[in-house]
Amino acid sequence: MGKRRGIMAESLKEEIARELGVYDVVKSEGWGSVPSRTCGQMVQKAIEKANQAHP
């Protein structure tokens, strides 16, 4: 089974990273440096945005 890639648009990930204050870390060190807790918060924000867009 192949890896699932591109679930969330890069622009959306960057927007949410800015909101959570980790965008500088992403740009300097990459997504691998973002703590898993913060990644979970990013998923929650993405779900909230999706629910707002499609009530």
C-alpha atoms as a PDB file:
ATOM      1  CA  MET A   1       0.000   0.000   0.000  1.00  0.00           C
ATOM      2  CA  GLY A   2       1.376   3.428  -0.957  1.00  0.00           C
ATOM      3  CA  LYS A   3       1.876   6.351   1.357  1.00  0.00           C
ATOM      4  CA  ARG A   4      -0.865   8.940   1.512  1.00  0.00           C
ATOM      5  CA  ARG A   5       0.605  12.247   0.446  1.00  0.00           C
ATOM      6  CA  GLY A   6      -0.864  15.662   0.072  1.00  0.00           C
ATOM      7  CA  ILE A   7      -3.852  15.208   2.343  1.00  0.00           C
ATOM      8  CA  MET A   8      -3.713  18.880   3.332  1.00  0.00           C
ATOM      9  CA  ALA A   9      -2.694  21.579   0.848  1.00  0.00           C
ATOM     10  CA  GLU A  10       0.730  23.058   1.530  1.00  0.00           C
ATOM     11  CA  SER A  11      -0.737  26.565   1.605  1.00  0.00           C
ATOM     12  CA  LEU A  12      -3.260  25.536   4.272  1.00  0.00           C
ATOM     13  CA  LYS A  13      -0.532  23.920   6.379  1.00  0.00           C
ATOM     14  CA  GLU A  14       1.553  27.084   6.156  1.00  0.00           C
ATOM     15  CA  GLU A  15      -1.434  29.277   7.051  1.00  0.00           C
ATOM     16  CA  ILE A  16      -2.194  27.200  10.139  1.00  0.00           C
ATOM     17  CA  ALA A  17       1.494  27.067  11.089  1.00  0.00           C
ATOM     18  CA  ARG A  18       1.512  30.876  11.053  1.00  0.00           C
ATOM     19  CA  GLU A  19      -1.580  30.948  13.284  1.00  0.00           C
ATOM     20  CA  LEU A  20       0.087  28.592  15.775  1.00  0.00           C
ATOM     21  CA  GLY A  21       3.410  30.439  15.655  1.00  0.00           C
ATOM     22  CA  VAL A  22       5.535  27.596  14.274  1.00  0.00           C
ATOM     23  CA  TYR A  23       5.970  28.823  10.695  1.00  0.00           C
ATOM     24  CA  ASP A  24       9.540  30.022  11.345  1.00  0.00           C
ATOM     25  CA  VAL A  25      10.492  26.562  12.629  1.00  0.00           C
ATOM     26  CA  VAL A  26       8.950  24.948   9.545  1.00  0.00           C
ATOM     27  CA  LYS A  27      10.820  27.237   7.167  1.00  0.00           C
ATOM     28  CA  SER A  28      14.179  26.891   8.918  1.00  0.00           C
ATOM     29  CA  GLU A  29      14.107  23.229   9.995  1.00  0.00           C
ATOM     30  CA  GLY A  30      11.251  21.579   8.080  1.00  0.00           C
ATOM     31  CA  TRP A  31       8.028  19.868   9.109  1.00  0.00           C
ATOM     32  CA  GLY A  32       9.932  17.120  10.928  1.00  0.00           C
ATOM     33  CA  SER A  33      10.918  19.613  13.625  1.00  0.00           C
ATOM     34  CA  VAL A  34       7.324  20.446  14.535  1.00  0.00           C
ATOM     35  CA  PRO A  35       6.252  18.608  17.718  1.00  0.00           C
ATOM     36  CA  SER A  36       3.515  16.003  17.331  1.00  0.00           C
ATOM     37  CA  ARG A  37       1.288  17.924  19.737  1.00  0.00           C
ATOM     38  CA  THR A  38       1.465  20.954  17.447  1.00  0.00           C
ATOM     39  CA  CYS A  39       0.738  18.759  14.423  1.00  0.00           C
ATOM     40  CA  GLY A  40      -2.368  17.535  16.229  1.00  0.00           C
ATOM     41  CA  GLN A  41      -3.400  21.125  16.850  1.00  0.00           C
ATOM     42  CA  MET A  42      -2.902  21.812  13.145  1.00  0.00           C
ATOM     43  CA  VAL A  43      -5.241  18.950  12.271  1.00  0.00           C
ATOM     44  CA  GLN A  44      -7.856  20.300  14.689  1.00  0.00           C
ATOM     45  CA  LYS A  45      -7.612  23.760  13.092  1.00  0.00           C
ATOM     46  CA  ALA A  46      -7.918  22.245   9.599  1.00  0.00           C
ATOM     47  CA  ILE A  47     -11.041  20.344  10.651  1.00  0.00           C
ATOM     48  CA  GLU A  48     -12.524  23.527  12.147  1.00  0.00           C
ATOM     49  CA  LYS A  49     -11.841  25.409   8.907  1.00  0.00           C
ATOM     50  CA  ALA A  50     -13.403  22.621   6.839  1.00  0.00           C
ATOM     51  CA  ASN A  51     -16.498  22.590   9.046  1.00  0.00           C
ATOM     52  CA  GLN A  52     -16.842  26.372   8.746  1.00  0.00           C
ATOM     53  CA  ALA A  53     -16.517  26.195   4.962  1.00  0.00           C
ATOM     54  CA  HIS A  54     -19.048  23.352   4.644  1.00  0.00           C
ATOM     55  CA  PRO A  55     -21.652  23.682   7.414  1.00  0.00           C
END
